[in-house]
């Protein structure tokens, strides 16, 4: 007598082999689902971190713009030299976000 497993789509000589193959298939499927779930959770967590950092940066830019405008309103102009900042200076941080 032969045993057929619809899960693994194979024929086995014994019922025990068939059941073991189905169990191994289910275990592997569960491992893959767990790995996918963990990957999705990690991605969501990191995406949230990126969004929070972006929001903090935009809030800082808005605050900077607000106090700069108040200074210019009160004193007519503002000039600043930024030294010892990596890249092209502090304001370079916001270049991609001036709309």
PDB file of N, CA and C in Angstrom:
ATOM      1  N   UNK A   1       0.850  -1.167   0.000  1.00  0.00           N
ATOM      2  CA  UNK A   1       0.000   0.000   0.000  1.00  0.00           C
ATOM      3  C   UNK A   1       0.899   1.233   0.000  1.00  0.00           C
ATOM      4  N   UNK A   2       0.511   2.239  -0.743  1.00  0.00           N
ATOM      5  CA  UNK A   2       1.231   3.507  -0.841  1.00  0.00           C
ATOM      6  C   UNK A   2       0.399   4.605  -0.173  1.00  0.00           C
ATOM      7  N   UNK A   3       1.099   5.640   0.289  1.00  0.00           N
ATOM      8  CA  UNK A   3       0.431   6.771   0.944  1.00  0.00           C
ATOM      9  C   UNK A   3       0.804   8.048   0.208  1.00  0.00           C
ATOM     10  N   UNK A   4      -0.213   8.822  -0.120  1.00  0.00           N
ATOM     11  CA  UNK A   4      -0.008  10.058  -0.863  1.00  0.00           C
ATOM     12  C   UNK A   4      -0.269  11.255   0.049  1.00  0.00           C
ATOM     13  N   UNK A   5       0.617  12.218  -0.007  1.00  0.00           N
ATOM     14  CA  UNK A   5       0.453  13.445   0.777  1.00  0.00           C
ATOM     15  C   UNK A   5       0.130  14.591  -0.174  1.00  0.00           C
ATOM     16  N   UNK A   6      -1.015  15.212   0.039  1.00  0.00           N
ATOM     17  CA  UNK A   6      -1.391  16.361  -0.772  1.00  0.00           C
ATOM     18  C   UNK A   6      -0.550  17.585  -0.406  1.00  0.00           C
ATOM     19  N   UNK A   7      -0.076  17.651   0.816  1.00  0.00           N
ATOM     20  CA  UNK A   7       0.723  18.794   1.248  1.00  0.00           C
ATOM     21  C   UNK A   7       2.061  18.854   0.529  1.00  0.00           C
ATOM     22  N   UNK A   8       2.726  17.721   0.440  1.00  0.00           N
ATOM     23  CA  UNK A   8       4.042  17.700  -0.200  1.00  0.00           C
ATOM     24  C   UNK A   8       3.982  17.145  -1.617  1.00  0.00           C
ATOM     25  N   UNK A   9       2.816  16.684  -2.032  1.00  0.00           N
ATOM     26  CA  UNK A   9       2.576  16.184  -3.387  1.00  0.00           C
ATOM     27  C   UNK A   9       3.530  15.037  -3.738  1.00  0.00           C
ATOM     28  N   UNK A  10       3.608  14.065  -2.823  1.00  0.00           N
ATOM     29  CA  UNK A  10       4.485  12.906  -3.005  1.00  0.00           C
ATOM     30  C   UNK A  10       3.796  11.639  -2.537  1.00  0.00           C
ATOM     31  N   UNK A  11       4.321  10.537  -3.023  1.00  0.00           N
ATOM     32  CA  UNK A  11       3.843   9.219  -2.612  1.00  0.00           C
ATOM     33  C   UNK A  11       4.908   8.594  -1.707  1.00  0.00           C
ATOM     34  N   UNK A  12       4.444   7.977  -0.608  1.00  0.00           N
ATOM     35  CA  UNK A  12       5.348   7.358   0.362  1.00  0.00           C
ATOM     36  C   UNK A  12       4.992   5.896   0.545  1.00  0.00           C
ATOM     37  N   UNK A  13       5.997   5.128   0.938  1.00  0.00           N
ATOM     38  CA  UNK A  13       5.785   3.698   1.140  1.00  0.00           C
ATOM     39  C   UNK A  13       5.062   3.404   2.448  1.00  0.00           C
ATOM     40  N   UNK A  14       5.315   4.209   3.477  1.00  0.00           N
ATOM     41  CA  UNK A  14       4.680   3.955   4.767  1.00  0.00           C
ATOM     42  C   UNK A  14       3.921   5.207   5.233  1.00  0.00           C
ATOM     43  N   UNK A  15       2.951   4.960   6.089  1.00  0.00           N
ATOM     44  CA  UNK A  15       2.172   6.063   6.643  1.00  0.00           C
ATOM     45  C   UNK A  15       3.073   6.953   7.510  1.00  0.00           C
ATOM     46  N   UNK A  16       3.997   6.330   8.219  1.00  0.00           N
ATOM     47  CA  UNK A  16       4.911   7.083   9.074  1.00  0.00           C
ATOM     48  C   UNK A  16       5.764   8.056   8.263  1.00  0.00           C
ATOM     49  N   UNK A  17       6.293   7.610   7.125  1.00  0.00           N
ATOM     50  CA  UNK A  17       7.082   8.489   6.255  1.00  0.00           C
ATOM     51  C   UNK A  17       6.237   9.654   5.749  1.00  0.00           C
ATOM     52  N   UNK A  18       5.015   9.350   5.401  1.00  0.00           N
ATOM     53  CA  UNK A  18       4.092  10.371   4.909  1.00  0.00           C
ATOM     54  C   UNK A  18       3.830  11.425   5.995  1.00  0.00           C
ATOM     55  N   UNK A  19       3.517  10.961   7.200  1.00  0.00           N
ATOM     56  CA  UNK A  19       3.247  11.885   8.299  1.00  0.00           C
ATOM     57  C   UNK A  19       4.480  12.708   8.680  1.00  0.00           C
ATOM     58  N   UNK A  20       5.653  12.073   8.674  1.00  0.00           N
ATOM     59  CA  UNK A  20       6.895  12.797   8.969  1.00  0.00           C
ATOM     60  C   UNK A  20       7.182  13.876   7.924  1.00  0.00           C
ATOM     61  N   UNK A  21       6.944  13.559   6.664  1.00  0.00           N
ATOM     62  CA  UNK A  21       7.160  14.530   5.591  1.00  0.00           C
ATOM     63  C   UNK A  21       6.187  15.701   5.728  1.00  0.00           C
ATOM     64  N   UNK A  22       4.932  15.419   6.067  1.00  0.00           N
ATOM     65  CA  UNK A  22       3.954  16.492   6.257  1.00  0.00           C
ATOM     66  C   UNK A  22       4.323  17.360   7.457  1.00  0.00           C
ATOM     67  N   UNK A  23       4.804  16.716   8.529  1.00  0.00           N
ATOM     68  CA  UNK A  23       5.211  17.482   9.717  1.00  0.00           C
ATOM     69  C   UNK A  23       6.409  18.368   9.384  1.00  0.00           C
ATOM     70  N   UNK A  24       7.381  17.817   8.672  1.00  0.00           N
ATOM     71  CA  UNK A  24       8.555  18.606   8.277  1.00  0.00           C
ATOM     72  C   UNK A  24       8.135  19.774   7.388  1.00  0.00           C
ATOM     73  N   UNK A  25       7.184  19.529   6.496  1.00  0.00           N
ATOM     74  CA  UNK A  25       6.667  20.586   5.616  1.00  0.00           C
ATOM     75  C   UNK A  25       6.006  21.693   6.441  1.00  0.00           C
ATOM     76  N   UNK A  26       5.186  21.326   7.403  1.00  0.00           N
ATOM     77  CA  UNK A  26       4.502  22.304   8.247  1.00  0.00           C
ATOM     78  C   UNK A  26       5.498  23.083   9.111  1.00  0.00           C
ATOM     79  N   UNK A  27       6.527  22.381   9.630  1.00  0.00           N
ATOM     80  CA  UNK A  27       7.549  23.049  10.427  1.00  0.00           C
ATOM     81  C   UNK A  27       8.309  24.085   9.597  1.00  0.00           C
ATOM     82  N   UNK A  28       8.678  23.722   8.396  1.00  0.00           N
ATOM     83  CA  UNK A  28       9.392  24.637   7.497  1.00  0.00           C
ATOM     84  C   UNK A  28       8.510  25.833   7.136  1.00  0.00           C
ATOM     85  N   UNK A  29       7.247  25.562   6.895  1.00  0.00           N
ATOM     86  CA  UNK A  29       6.304  26.634   6.573  1.00  0.00           C
ATOM     87  C   UNK A  29       6.168  27.596   7.756  1.00  0.00           C
ATOM     88  N   UNK A  30       6.090  27.065   8.967  1.00  0.00           N
ATOM     89  CA  UNK A  30       5.981  27.893  10.164  1.00  0.00           C
ATOM     90  C   UNK A  30       7.243  28.734  10.353  1.00  0.00           C
ATOM     91  N   UNK A  31       8.419  28.152  10.097  1.00  0.00           N
ATOM     92  CA  UNK A  31       9.677  28.890  10.213  1.00  0.00           C
ATOM     93  C   UNK A  31       9.707  30.053   9.225  1.00  0.00           C
ATOM     94  N   UNK A  32       9.287  29.803   7.993  1.00  0.00           N
ATOM     95  CA  UNK A  32       9.272  30.856   6.977  1.00  0.00           C
ATOM     96  C   UNK A  32       8.296  31.968   7.349  1.00  0.00           C
ATOM     97  N   UNK A  33       7.144  31.608   7.860  1.00  0.00           N
ATOM     98  CA  UNK A  33       6.161  32.614   8.274  1.00  0.00           C
ATOM     99  C   UNK A  33       6.689  33.451   9.437  1.00  0.00           C
ATOM    100  N   UNK A  34       7.358  32.804  10.393  1.00  0.00           N
ATOM    101  CA  UNK A  34       7.930  33.511  11.525  1.00  0.00           C
ATOM    102  C   UNK A  34       9.029  34.471  11.063  1.00  0.00           C
ATOM    103  N   UNK A  35       9.893  34.003  10.171  1.00  0.00           N
ATOM    104  CA  UNK A  35      10.964  34.847   9.650  1.00  0.00           C
ATOM    105  C   UNK A  35      10.391  36.048   8.904  1.00  0.00           C
ATOM    106  N   UNK A  36       9.351  35.833   8.120  1.00  0.00           N
ATOM    107  CA  UNK A  36       8.714  36.931   7.382  1.00  0.00           C
ATOM    108  C   UNK A  36       8.080  37.928   8.345  1.00  0.00           C
ATOM    109  N   UNK A  37       7.427  37.416   9.379  1.00  0.00           N
ATOM    110  CA  UNK A  37       6.792  38.288  10.369  1.00  0.00           C
ATOM    111  C   UNK A  37       7.844  39.129  11.084  1.00  0.00           C
ATOM    112  N   UNK A  38       8.969  38.516  11.485  1.00  0.00           N
ATOM    113  CA  UNK A  38      10.034  39.242  12.161  1.00  0.00           C
ATOM    114  C   UNK A  38      10.639  40.303  11.239  1.00  0.00           C
ATOM    115  N   UNK A  39      10.825  39.960   9.977  1.00  0.00           N
ATOM    116  CA  UNK A  39      11.371  40.906   9.013  1.00  0.00           C
ATOM    117  C   UNK A  39      10.421  42.082   8.823  1.00  0.00           C
ATOM    118  N   UNK A  40       9.129  41.804   8.706  1.00  0.00           N
ATOM    119  CA  UNK A  40       8.133  42.864   8.547  1.00  0.00           C
ATOM    120  C   UNK A  40       8.079  43.775   9.770  1.00  0.00           C
ATOM    121  N   UNK A  41       8.171  43.188  10.965  1.00  0.00           N
ATOM    122  CA  UNK A  41       8.162  43.976  12.195  1.00  0.00           C
ATOM    123  C   UNK A  41       9.402  44.861  12.291  1.00  0.00           C
ATOM    124  N   UNK A  42      10.556  44.306  11.931  1.00  0.00           N
ATOM    125  CA  UNK A  42      11.800  45.082  11.957  1.00  0.00           C
ATOM    126  C   UNK A  42      11.722  46.236  10.961  1.00  0.00           C
ATOM    127  N   UNK A  43      11.175  45.975   9.794  1.00  0.00           N
ATOM    128  CA  UNK A  43      11.034  47.016   8.776  1.00  0.00           C
ATOM    129  C   UNK A  43      10.105  48.126   9.271  1.00  0.00           C
ATOM    130  N   UNK A  44       8.993  47.740   9.878  1.00  0.00           N
ATOM    131  CA  UNK A  44       8.034  48.726  10.387  1.00  0.00           C
ATOM    132  C   UNK A  44       8.663  49.567  11.491  1.00  0.00           C
ATOM    133  N   UNK A  45       9.436  48.942  12.359  1.00  0.00           N
ATOM    134  CA  UNK A  45      10.100  49.659  13.448  1.00  0.00           C
ATOM    135  C   UNK A  45      11.099  50.668  12.898  1.00  0.00           C
ATOM    136  N   UNK A  46      11.901  50.235  11.937  1.00  0.00           N
ATOM    137  CA  UNK A  46      12.895  51.144  11.361  1.00  0.00           C
ATOM    138  C   UNK A  46      12.232  52.243  10.552  1.00  0.00           C
ATOM    139  N   UNK A  47      11.145  51.936   9.872  1.00  0.00           N
ATOM    140  CA  UNK A  47      10.418  52.964   9.122  1.00  0.00           C
ATOM    141  C   UNK A  47       9.875  54.022  10.080  1.00  0.00           C
ATOM    142  N   UNK A  48       9.393  53.582  11.225  1.00  0.00           N
ATOM    143  CA  UNK A  48       8.887  54.528  12.229  1.00  0.00           C
ATOM    144  C   UNK A  48      10.016  55.418  12.730  1.00  0.00           C
ATOM    145  N   UNK A  49      11.208  54.847  12.946  1.00  0.00           N
ATOM    146  CA  UNK A  49      12.362  55.634  13.377  1.00  0.00           C
ATOM    147  C   UNK A  49      12.710  56.701  12.346  1.00  0.00           C
ATOM    148  N   UNK A  50      12.680  56.320  11.073  1.00  0.00           N
ATOM    149  CA  UNK A  50      12.991  57.269  10.005  1.00  0.00           C
ATOM    150  C   UNK A  50      11.958  58.392   9.976  1.00  0.00           C
ATOM    151  N   UNK A  51      10.691  58.033  10.098  1.00  0.00           N
ATOM    152  CA  UNK A  51       9.634  59.047  10.113  1.00  0.00           C
ATOM    153  C   UNK A  51       9.786  59.992  11.298  1.00  0.00           C
ATOM    154  N   UNK A  52      10.096  59.443  12.471  1.00  0.00           N
ATOM    155  CA  UNK A  52      10.280  60.280  13.657  1.00  0.00           C
ATOM    156  C   UNK A  52      11.468  61.222  13.487  1.00  0.00           C
ATOM    157  N   UNK A  53      12.569  60.725  12.922  1.00  0.00           N
ATOM    158  CA  UNK A  53      13.743  61.567  12.690  1.00  0.00           C
ATOM    159  C   UNK A  53      13.418  62.667  11.685  1.00  0.00           C
ATOM    160  N   UNK A  54      12.691  62.323  10.637  1.00  0.00           N
ATOM    161  CA  UNK A  54      12.293  63.318   9.639  1.00  0.00           C
ATOM    162  C   UNK A  54      11.414  64.383  10.276  1.00  0.00           C
ATOM    163  N   UNK A  55      10.444  63.964  11.070  1.00  0.00           N
ATOM    164  CA  UNK A  55       9.553  64.922  11.731  1.00  0.00           C
ATOM    165  C   UNK A  55      10.318  65.830  12.688  1.00  0.00           C
ATOM    166  N   UNK A  56      11.284  65.268  13.414  1.00  0.00           N
ATOM    167  CA  UNK A  56      12.100  66.080  14.320  1.00  0.00           C
ATOM    168  C   UNK A  56      12.929  67.089  13.529  1.00  0.00           C
ATOM    169  N   UNK A  57      13.468  66.651  12.395  1.00  0.00           N
ATOM    170  CA  UNK A  57      14.257  67.548  11.566  1.00  0.00           C
ATOM    171  C   UNK A  57      13.386  68.671  11.001  1.00  0.00           C
ATOM    172  N   UNK A  58      12.195  68.337  10.548  1.00  0.00           N
ATOM    173  CA  UNK A  58      11.296  69.359  10.006  1.00  0.00           C
ATOM    174  C   UNK A  58      10.869  70.332  11.098  1.00  0.00           C
ATOM    175  N   UNK A  59      10.655  69.833  12.298  1.00  0.00           N
ATOM    176  CA  UNK A  59      10.294  70.703  13.417  1.00  0.00           C
ATOM    177  C   UNK A  59      11.454  71.644  13.723  1.00  0.00           C
ATOM    178  N   UNK A  60      12.691  71.117  13.708  1.00  0.00           N
ATOM    179  CA  UNK A  60      13.869  71.948  13.941  1.00  0.00           C
ATOM    180  C   UNK A  60      14.008  72.998  12.843  1.00  0.00           C
ATOM    181  N   UNK A  61      13.767  72.617  11.592  1.00  0.00           N
ATOM    182  CA  UNK A  61      13.834  73.568  10.480  1.00  0.00           C
ATOM    183  C   UNK A  61      12.796  74.655  10.652  1.00  0.00           C
ATOM    184  N   UNK A  62      11.599  74.277  11.036  1.00  0.00           N
ATOM    185  CA  UNK A  62      10.535  75.258  11.246  1.00  0.00           C
ATOM    186  C   UNK A  62      10.895  76.218  12.371  1.00  0.00           C
ATOM    187  N   UNK A  63      11.464  75.684  13.447  1.00  0.00           N
ATOM    188  CA  UNK A  63      11.870  76.528  14.572  1.00  0.00           C
ATOM    189  C   UNK A  63      12.982  77.478  14.133  1.00  0.00           C
ATOM    190  N   UNK A  64      13.951  76.959  13.395  1.00  0.00           N
ATOM    191  CA  UNK A  64      15.048  77.783  12.876  1.00  0.00           C
ATOM    192  C   UNK A  64      14.490  78.906  12.009  1.00  0.00           C
ATOM    193  N   UNK A  65      13.600  78.564  11.103  1.00  0.00           N
ATOM    194  CA  UNK A  65      13.009  79.571  10.221  1.00  0.00           C
ATOM    195  C   UNK A  65      12.259  80.627  11.032  1.00  0.00           C
ATOM    196  N   UNK A  66      11.548  80.183  12.028  1.00  0.00           N
ATOM    197  CA  UNK A  66      10.777  81.108  12.872  1.00  0.00           C
ATOM    198  C   UNK A  66      11.683  82.102  13.598  1.00  0.00           C
ATOM    199  N   UNK A  67      12.737  81.604  14.234  1.00  0.00           N
ATOM    200  CA  UNK A  67      13.598  82.514  14.984  1.00  0.00           C
ATOM    201  C   UNK A  67      14.458  83.370  14.053  1.00  0.00           C
ATOM    202  N   UNK A  68      14.846  82.828  12.903  1.00  0.00           N
ATOM    203  CA  UNK A  68      15.589  83.616  11.914  1.00  0.00           C
ATOM    204  C   UNK A  68      14.727  84.767  11.402  1.00  0.00           C
ATOM    205  N   UNK A  69      13.487  84.473  11.054  1.00  0.00           N
ATOM    206  CA  UNK A  69      12.590  85.518  10.568  1.00  0.00           C
ATOM    207  C   UNK A  69      12.344  86.591  11.627  1.00  0.00           C
ATOM    208  N   UNK A  70      12.212  86.184  12.881  1.00  0.00           N
ATOM    209  CA  UNK A  70      12.028  87.148  13.964  1.00  0.00           C
ATOM    210  C   UNK A  70      13.261  88.036  14.100  1.00  0.00           C
ATOM    211  N   UNK A  71      14.444  87.452  13.997  1.00  0.00           N
ATOM    212  CA  UNK A  71      15.681  88.224  14.081  1.00  0.00           C
ATOM    213  C   UNK A  71      15.780  89.213  12.932  1.00  0.00           C
ATOM    214  N   UNK A  72      15.521  88.742  11.708  1.00  0.00           N
ATOM    215  CA  UNK A  72      15.583  89.611  10.538  1.00  0.00           C
ATOM    216  C   UNK A  72      14.539  90.716  10.649  1.00  0.00           C
ATOM    217  N   UNK A  73      13.375  90.405  11.155  1.00  0.00           N
ATOM    218  CA  UNK A  73      12.330  91.419  11.339  1.00  0.00           C
ATOM    219  C   UNK A  73      12.803  92.502  12.309  1.00  0.00           C
ATOM    220  N   UNK A  74      13.466  92.081  13.394  1.00  0.00           N
ATOM    221  CA  UNK A  74      13.910  93.027  14.407  1.00  0.00           C
ATOM    222  C   UNK A  74      15.165  93.804  14.002  1.00  0.00           C
ATOM    223  N   UNK A  75      16.089  93.139  13.300  1.00  0.00           N
ATOM    224  CA  UNK A  75      17.392  93.745  13.053  1.00  0.00           C
ATOM    225  C   UNK A  75      17.712  93.948  11.575  1.00  0.00           C
ATOM    226  N   UNK A  76      16.857  93.513  10.666  1.00  0.00           N
ATOM    227  CA  UNK A  76      17.044  93.778   9.241  1.00  0.00           C
ATOM    228  C   UNK A  76      17.816  92.722   8.479  1.00  0.00           C
ATOM    229  N   UNK A  77      18.778  92.060   9.068  1.00  0.00           N
ATOM    230  CA  UNK A  77      19.558  91.047   8.350  1.00  0.00           C
ATOM    231  C   UNK A  77      20.224  90.122   9.360  1.00  0.00           C
ATOM    232  N   UNK A  78      20.694  89.005   8.853  1.00  0.00           N
ATOM    233  CA  UNK A  78      21.418  88.059   9.699  1.00  0.00           C
ATOM    234  C   UNK A  78      22.490  87.402   8.855  1.00  0.00           C
ATOM    235  N   UNK A  79      23.701  87.324   9.392  1.00  0.00           N
ATOM    236  CA  UNK A  79      24.802  86.638   8.722  1.00  0.00           C
ATOM    237  C   UNK A  79      25.463  85.722   9.742  1.00  0.00           C
ATOM    238  N   UNK A  80      25.809  84.540   9.275  1.00  0.00           N
ATOM    239  CA  UNK A  80      26.406  83.571  10.177  1.00  0.00           C
ATOM    240  C   UNK A  80      27.477  82.805   9.420  1.00  0.00           C
ATOM    241  N   UNK A  81      28.596  82.571  10.049  1.00  0.00           N
ATOM    242  CA  UNK A  81      29.645  81.734   9.505  1.00  0.00           C
ATOM    243  C   UNK A  81      29.688  80.477  10.353  1.00  0.00           C
ATOM    244  N   UNK A  82      29.560  79.344   9.706  1.00  0.00           N
ATOM    245  CA  UNK A  82      29.566  78.072  10.419  1.00  0.00           C
ATOM    246  C   UNK A  82      30.919  77.413  10.186  1.00  0.00           C
ATOM    247  N   UNK A  83      31.607  77.091  11.269  1.00  0.00           N
ATOM    248  CA  UNK A  83      32.919  76.452  11.176  1.00  0.00           C
ATOM    249  C   UNK A  83      32.863  75.098  11.882  1.00  0.00           C
ATOM    250  N   UNK A  84      33.785  74.261  11.510  1.00  0.00           N
ATOM    251  CA  UNK A  84      33.966  72.966  12.166  1.00  0.00           C
ATOM    252  C   UNK A  84      32.726  72.088  12.104  1.00  0.00           C
ATOM    253  N   UNK A  85      31.973  72.187  11.012  1.00  0.00           N
ATOM    254  CA  UNK A  85      30.815  71.328  10.816  1.00  0.00           C
ATOM    255  C   UNK A  85      31.101  70.469   9.590  1.00  0.00           C
ATOM    256  N   UNK A  86      30.949  69.156   9.693  1.00  0.00           N
ATOM    257  CA  UNK A  86      31.214  68.300   8.537  1.00  0.00           C
ATOM    258  C   UNK A  86      30.341  68.690   7.353  1.00  0.00           C
ATOM    259  N   UNK A  87      30.842  68.467   6.162  1.00  0.00           N
ATOM    260  CA  UNK A  87      30.073  68.792   4.961  1.00  0.00           C
ATOM    261  C   UNK A  87      30.177  70.273   4.654  1.00  0.00           C
ATOM    262  N   UNK A  88      29.096  70.828   4.165  1.00  0.00           N
ATOM    263  CA  UNK A  88      29.092  72.236   3.769  1.00  0.00           C
ATOM    264  C   UNK A  88      28.460  73.137   4.809  1.00  0.00           C
ATOM    265  N   UNK A  89      28.403  72.724   6.028  1.00  0.00           N
ATOM    266  CA  UNK A  89      27.858  73.562   7.074  1.00  0.00           C
ATOM    267  C   UNK A  89      26.510  73.080   7.557  1.00  0.00           C
ATOM    268  N   UNK A  90      26.064  73.690   8.633  1.00  0.00           N
ATOM    269  CA  UNK A  90      24.812  73.304   9.276  1.00  0.00           C
ATOM    270  C   UNK A  90      23.616  73.408   8.335  1.00  0.00           C
ATOM    271  N   UNK A  91      23.552  74.479   7.572  1.00  0.00           N
ATOM    272  CA  UNK A  91      22.385  74.675   6.709  1.00  0.00           C
ATOM    273  C   UNK A  91      22.297  73.635   5.608  1.00  0.00           C
ATOM    274  N   UNK A  92      23.393  72.978   5.285  1.00  0.00           N
ATOM    275  CA  UNK A  92      23.382  71.906   4.284  1.00  0.00           C
ATOM    276  C   UNK A  92      22.429  70.793   4.702  1.00  0.00           C
ATOM    277  N   UNK A  93      22.225  70.636   5.996  1.00  0.00           N
ATOM    278  CA  UNK A  93      21.303  69.610   6.483  1.00  0.00           C
ATOM    279  C   UNK A  93      19.910  69.784   5.914  1.00  0.00           C
ATOM    280  N   UNK A  94      19.529  71.028   5.658  1.00  0.00           N
ATOM    281  CA  UNK A  94      18.160  71.299   5.247  1.00  0.00           C
ATOM    282  C   UNK A  94      18.004  71.498   3.743  1.00  0.00           C
ATOM    283  N   UNK A  95      19.077  71.396   2.969  1.00  0.00           N
ATOM    284  CA  UNK A  95      19.003  71.683   1.536  1.00  0.00           C
ATOM    285  C   UNK A  95      17.935  70.876   0.818  1.00  0.00           C
ATOM    286  N   UNK A  96      17.793  69.617   1.170  1.00  0.00           N
ATOM    287  CA  UNK A  96      16.834  68.759   0.485  1.00  0.00           C
ATOM    288  C   UNK A  96      15.397  69.033   0.903  1.00  0.00           C
ATOM    289  N   UNK A  97      15.211  69.888   1.903  1.00  0.00           N
ATOM    290  CA  UNK A  97      13.884  70.054   2.455  1.00  0.00           C
ATOM    291  C   UNK A  97      13.311  71.453   2.246  1.00  0.00           C
ATOM    292  N   UNK A  98      14.010  72.283   1.522  1.00  0.00           N
ATOM    293  CA  UNK A  98      13.436  73.610   1.201  1.00  0.00           C
ATOM    294  C   UNK A  98      12.526  73.419   0.023  1.00  0.00           C
ATOM    295  N   UNK A  99      11.275  73.622   0.212  1.00  0.00           N
ATOM    296  CA  UNK A  99      10.298  73.372  -0.853  1.00  0.00           C
ATOM    297  C   UNK A  99       9.952  74.630  -1.580  1.00  0.00           C
TER     298      UNK A  99
END
